[in-house]
């Protein structure tokens, strides 16, 4: 049986031309995507809610509806992209804020309090992503919620592991405890407060941390 001759490699100039063309197309696509994201973010900031239409995003970004659907399946996917970006930025902010602290528990305190404050509903802020959209997403697409939280969970896991290594905290499963800390801070931030008689008393970041601290220095997750 005769061997099939290998096809000759394309000339180097052709490879360079294709690579340049691919890079240029990728850059244009990234720029279009960013304009859609920026347009959606402006609408969230103005309205204080995620209640807007794809057409509004298209008009705000000065692009076409066809271009939008080339990059996104729909409004849900656009919001998911914003949600993931928000969590990634939050993770970086927490990493930077905790880096200046020397003691592991102090780093965790800063992380929990900062996450709590960032997750609180605020008028005309991106927190609408955490209130309106995140709650819907949690019920309809739990796997996507899990994936979006990975950067933040990684930061909290590192901080818990450092506290365990120093002997300041106890956790048989550091990553699981880190997830509990995150959920406590984020979901408590969505509540109006703690009922007291006929009134509701707002929960403070300090109170959330003190509650989390009890779990950290206690028996941990078994």
Protein backbone atom coordinates (compact mmCIF):
# COMPACT_ATOMS: atom_id res chain seq x y z
CA UNK A 1 0.00 0.00 0.00
CA UNK A 2 1.39 3.35 -1.02
CA UNK A 3 1.62 5.98 1.70
CA UNK A 4 -0.52 9.06 1.19
CA UNK A 5 1.84 11.95 0.56
CA UNK A 6 1.69 14.67 3.17
CA UNK A 7 0.29 17.97 2.02
CA UNK A 8 2.95 20.63 1.73
CA UNK A 9 2.96 23.24 4.47
CA UNK A 10 1.53 26.59 3.38
CA UNK A 11 4.06 29.34 2.74
CA UNK A 12 5.12 31.32 5.80
CA UNK A 13 3.68 34.54 4.36
CA UNK A 14 0.26 32.89 4.04
CA UNK A 15 0.34 31.70 7.67
CA UNK A 16 1.26 35.22 8.82
CA UNK A 17 -1.56 36.73 6.77
CA UNK A 18 -4.12 34.30 8.21
CA UNK A 19 -2.88 34.92 11.77
CA UNK A 20 -3.13 38.70 11.29
CA UNK A 21 -6.63 38.35 9.89
CA UNK A 22 -7.69 36.10 12.78
CA UNK A 23 -6.24 38.48 15.38
CA UNK A 24 -8.00 41.45 13.78
CA UNK A 25 -11.34 39.61 13.66
CA UNK A 26 -10.97 38.54 17.29
CA UNK A 27 -10.18 42.10 18.37
CA UNK A 28 -13.23 43.47 16.53
CA UNK A 29 -15.45 40.83 18.13
CA UNK A 30 -14.10 41.66 21.60
CA UNK A 31 -14.76 45.36 21.01
CA UNK A 32 -18.34 44.69 19.89
CA UNK A 33 -18.96 42.45 22.91
CA UNK A 34 -17.57 45.11 25.26
CA UNK A 35 -19.86 47.76 23.78
CA UNK A 36 -22.87 45.54 24.47
CA UNK A 37 -21.66 44.95 28.03
CA UNK A 38 -21.05 48.67 28.57
CA UNK A 39 -24.50 49.51 27.20
CA UNK A 40 -26.18 47.00 29.50
CA UNK A 41 -24.19 48.28 32.46
CA UNK A 42 -25.27 51.85 31.77
CA UNK A 43 -28.91 50.76 31.69
CA UNK A 44 -28.54 48.89 34.99
CA UNK A 45 -26.94 51.94 36.59
CA UNK A 46 -29.66 54.27 35.31
CA UNK A 47 -32.63 52.05 36.14
CA UNK A 48 -31.29 50.33 39.24
CA UNK A 49 -32.68 47.09 37.85
CA UNK A 50 -32.05 44.50 35.14
CA UNK A 51 -35.50 45.19 33.69
CA UNK A 52 -34.53 46.34 30.18
CA UNK A 53 -34.85 44.91 26.68
CA UNK A 54 -32.28 43.63 24.20
CA UNK A 55 -33.37 46.41 21.84
CA UNK A 56 -32.46 49.01 24.47
CA UNK A 57 -29.00 47.46 24.78
CA UNK A 58 -28.60 47.46 20.99
CA UNK A 59 -29.59 51.13 20.76
CA UNK A 60 -27.38 52.13 23.68
CA UNK A 61 -24.35 50.35 22.19
CA UNK A 62 -25.09 51.77 18.70
CA UNK A 63 -24.86 48.34 17.14
CA UNK A 64 -27.24 45.99 15.35
CA UNK A 65 -29.61 43.34 16.64
CA UNK A 66 -27.95 40.86 14.29
CA UNK A 67 -24.57 41.60 15.83
CA UNK A 68 -26.00 41.10 19.32
CA UNK A 69 -27.27 37.61 18.51
CA UNK A 70 -23.97 36.71 16.89
CA UNK A 71 -22.36 37.04 20.30
CA UNK A 72 -25.13 36.32 22.80
CA UNK A 73 -27.96 33.79 22.94
CA UNK A 74 -30.17 36.43 24.50
CA UNK A 75 -30.50 38.84 27.40
CA UNK A 76 -29.92 36.02 29.90
CA UNK A 77 -26.44 35.29 28.49
CA UNK A 78 -25.56 39.00 28.44
CA UNK A 79 -26.51 39.37 32.10
CA UNK A 80 -24.61 36.21 32.95
CA UNK A 81 -21.48 37.71 31.37
CA UNK A 82 -21.92 40.86 33.47
CA UNK A 83 -22.55 38.75 36.57
CA UNK A 84 -19.38 36.71 36.02
CA UNK A 85 -17.34 39.88 35.40
CA UNK A 86 -18.73 41.45 38.59
CA UNK A 87 -17.79 38.43 40.69
CA UNK A 88 -14.31 38.29 39.16
CA UNK A 89 -13.74 41.98 39.91
CA UNK A 90 -15.07 41.49 43.43
CA UNK A 91 -12.65 38.60 43.92
CA UNK A 92 -9.72 40.78 42.83
CA UNK A 93 -10.83 43.64 45.10
CA UNK A 94 -11.00 41.27 48.06
CA UNK A 95 -7.62 39.75 47.22
CA UNK A 96 -6.04 43.21 47.11
CA UNK A 97 -7.79 44.41 50.28
CA UNK A 98 -6.74 41.35 52.29
CA UNK A 99 -3.13 41.33 51.08
CA UNK A 100 -2.24 44.21 53.39
CA UNK A 101 -3.36 42.32 56.52
CA UNK A 102 -0.84 40.12 58.33
CA UNK A 103 -3.10 37.89 60.43
CA UNK A 104 -5.21 35.22 58.66
CA UNK A 105 -8.38 35.95 60.66
CA UNK A 106 -8.01 39.65 59.96
CA UNK A 107 -7.82 38.86 56.23
CA UNK A 108 -11.00 36.81 56.50
CA UNK A 109 -12.75 39.58 58.41
CA UNK A 110 -11.92 42.07 55.66
CA UNK A 111 -13.09 39.59 53.00
CA UNK A 112 -16.43 38.82 54.67
CA UNK A 113 -17.24 42.45 55.48
CA UNK A 114 -16.28 43.67 52.01
CA UNK A 115 -18.33 40.97 50.27
CA UNK A 116 -21.31 41.78 52.50
CA UNK A 117 -21.12 45.49 51.67
CA UNK A 118 -20.68 44.83 47.94
CA UNK A 119 -23.73 42.54 47.93
CA UNK A 120 -26.10 44.98 49.64
CA UNK A 121 -28.87 46.48 47.46
CA UNK A 122 -28.03 50.06 46.55
CA UNK A 123 -29.98 52.43 44.27
CA UNK A 124 -28.46 52.98 40.82
CA UNK A 125 -25.67 50.48 41.42
CA UNK A 126 -24.68 47.20 39.80
CA UNK A 127 -26.05 45.38 42.86
CA UNK A 128 -29.16 44.76 40.74
CA UNK A 129 -27.15 41.93 39.22
CA UNK A 130 -26.90 40.36 42.66
CA UNK A 131 -30.51 41.02 43.65
CA UNK A 132 -32.74 40.72 40.56
CA UNK A 133 -30.71 38.48 38.30
CA UNK A 134 -28.73 36.31 40.71
CA UNK A 135 -31.83 35.09 42.50
CA UNK A 136 -33.48 34.09 39.21
CA UNK A 137 -30.29 32.45 37.99
CA UNK A 138 -29.89 30.47 41.18
CA UNK A 139 -33.26 28.81 40.62
CA UNK A 140 -33.03 28.28 36.87
CA UNK A 141 -29.32 27.68 36.17
CA UNK A 142 -27.54 26.48 39.34
CA UNK A 143 -24.56 25.11 37.37
CA UNK A 144 -23.89 28.53 35.86
CA UNK A 145 -24.10 30.13 39.30
CA UNK A 146 -21.52 27.67 40.59
CA UNK A 147 -19.16 28.40 37.70
CA UNK A 148 -19.54 32.17 38.07
CA UNK A 149 -18.61 32.03 41.76
CA UNK A 150 -15.38 30.04 41.26
CA UNK A 151 -12.97 33.05 41.28
CA UNK A 152 -14.52 34.35 44.50
CA UNK A 153 -14.61 30.90 46.07
CA UNK A 154 -10.93 30.39 45.24
CA UNK A 155 -10.01 33.56 47.15
CA UNK A 156 -12.09 32.61 50.20
CA UNK A 157 -10.71 29.07 50.17
CA UNK A 158 -7.14 30.38 50.22
CA UNK A 159 -7.98 32.63 53.17
CA UNK A 160 -9.65 29.80 55.11
CA UNK A 161 -6.70 27.49 54.43
CA UNK A 162 -4.29 30.13 55.73
CA UNK A 163 -6.35 30.51 58.90
CA UNK A 164 -6.41 26.72 59.38
CA UNK A 165 -2.65 26.43 58.83
CA UNK A 166 -1.99 29.14 61.42
CA UNK A 167 -4.21 27.35 63.95
CA UNK A 168 -6.68 30.25 64.11
CA UNK A 169 -9.55 28.31 62.51
CA UNK A 170 -10.82 24.75 62.28
CA UNK A 171 -12.17 23.26 59.06
CA UNK A 172 -12.07 19.66 57.88
CA UNK A 173 -13.20 20.91 54.46
CA UNK A 174 -11.82 24.44 53.90
CA UNK A 175 -13.47 24.94 50.50
CA UNK A 176 -16.88 23.95 51.85
CA UNK A 177 -16.49 26.30 54.79
CA UNK A 178 -15.36 29.06 52.40
CA UNK A 179 -18.57 28.57 50.41
CA UNK A 180 -20.64 28.85 53.59
CA UNK A 181 -18.89 32.11 54.52
CA UNK A 182 -19.59 33.53 51.07
CA UNK A 183 -23.23 32.49 51.08
CA UNK A 184 -23.75 33.89 54.57
CA UNK A 185 -22.35 37.28 53.56
CA UNK A 186 -24.08 37.50 50.18
CA UNK A 187 -27.54 36.25 51.15
CA UNK A 188 -27.68 38.10 54.47
CA UNK A 189 -26.97 41.28 52.51
CA UNK A 190 -30.25 40.76 50.62
CA UNK A 191 -32.41 40.67 53.77
CA UNK A 192 -34.03 43.87 55.09
CA UNK A 193 -32.83 43.16 58.62
CA UNK A 194 -33.44 41.16 61.77
CA UNK A 195 -37.00 41.34 63.17
CA UNK A 196 -37.12 43.06 66.56
CA UNK A 197 -40.61 43.50 67.98
CA UNK A 198 -42.55 45.29 65.23
CA UNK A 199 -39.45 46.75 63.59
CA UNK A 200 -36.64 45.37 61.45
CA UNK A 201 -33.12 46.18 62.60
CA UNK A 202 -30.50 46.34 59.82
CA UNK A 203 -27.71 43.77 60.03
CA UNK A 204 -24.22 45.25 60.07
CA UNK A 205 -21.08 43.92 58.40
CA UNK A 206 -19.56 43.52 61.85
CA UNK A 207 -22.43 41.30 63.00
CA UNK A 208 -22.10 39.11 59.91
CA UNK A 209 -18.38 38.69 60.58
CA UNK A 210 -18.92 37.84 64.26
CA UNK A 211 -21.43 35.17 63.22
CA UNK A 212 -18.98 33.72 60.69
CA UNK A 213 -16.16 33.85 63.23
CA UNK A 214 -18.12 31.51 65.49
CA UNK A 215 -18.11 28.90 62.74
CA UNK A 216 -14.42 29.41 61.99
CA UNK A 217 -13.14 28.95 65.52
CA UNK A 218 -15.66 26.24 66.40
CA UNK A 219 -15.77 22.65 65.29
CA UNK A 220 -15.79 23.46 61.58
CA UNK A 221 -17.46 21.43 58.85
CA UNK A 222 -17.19 17.66 59.28
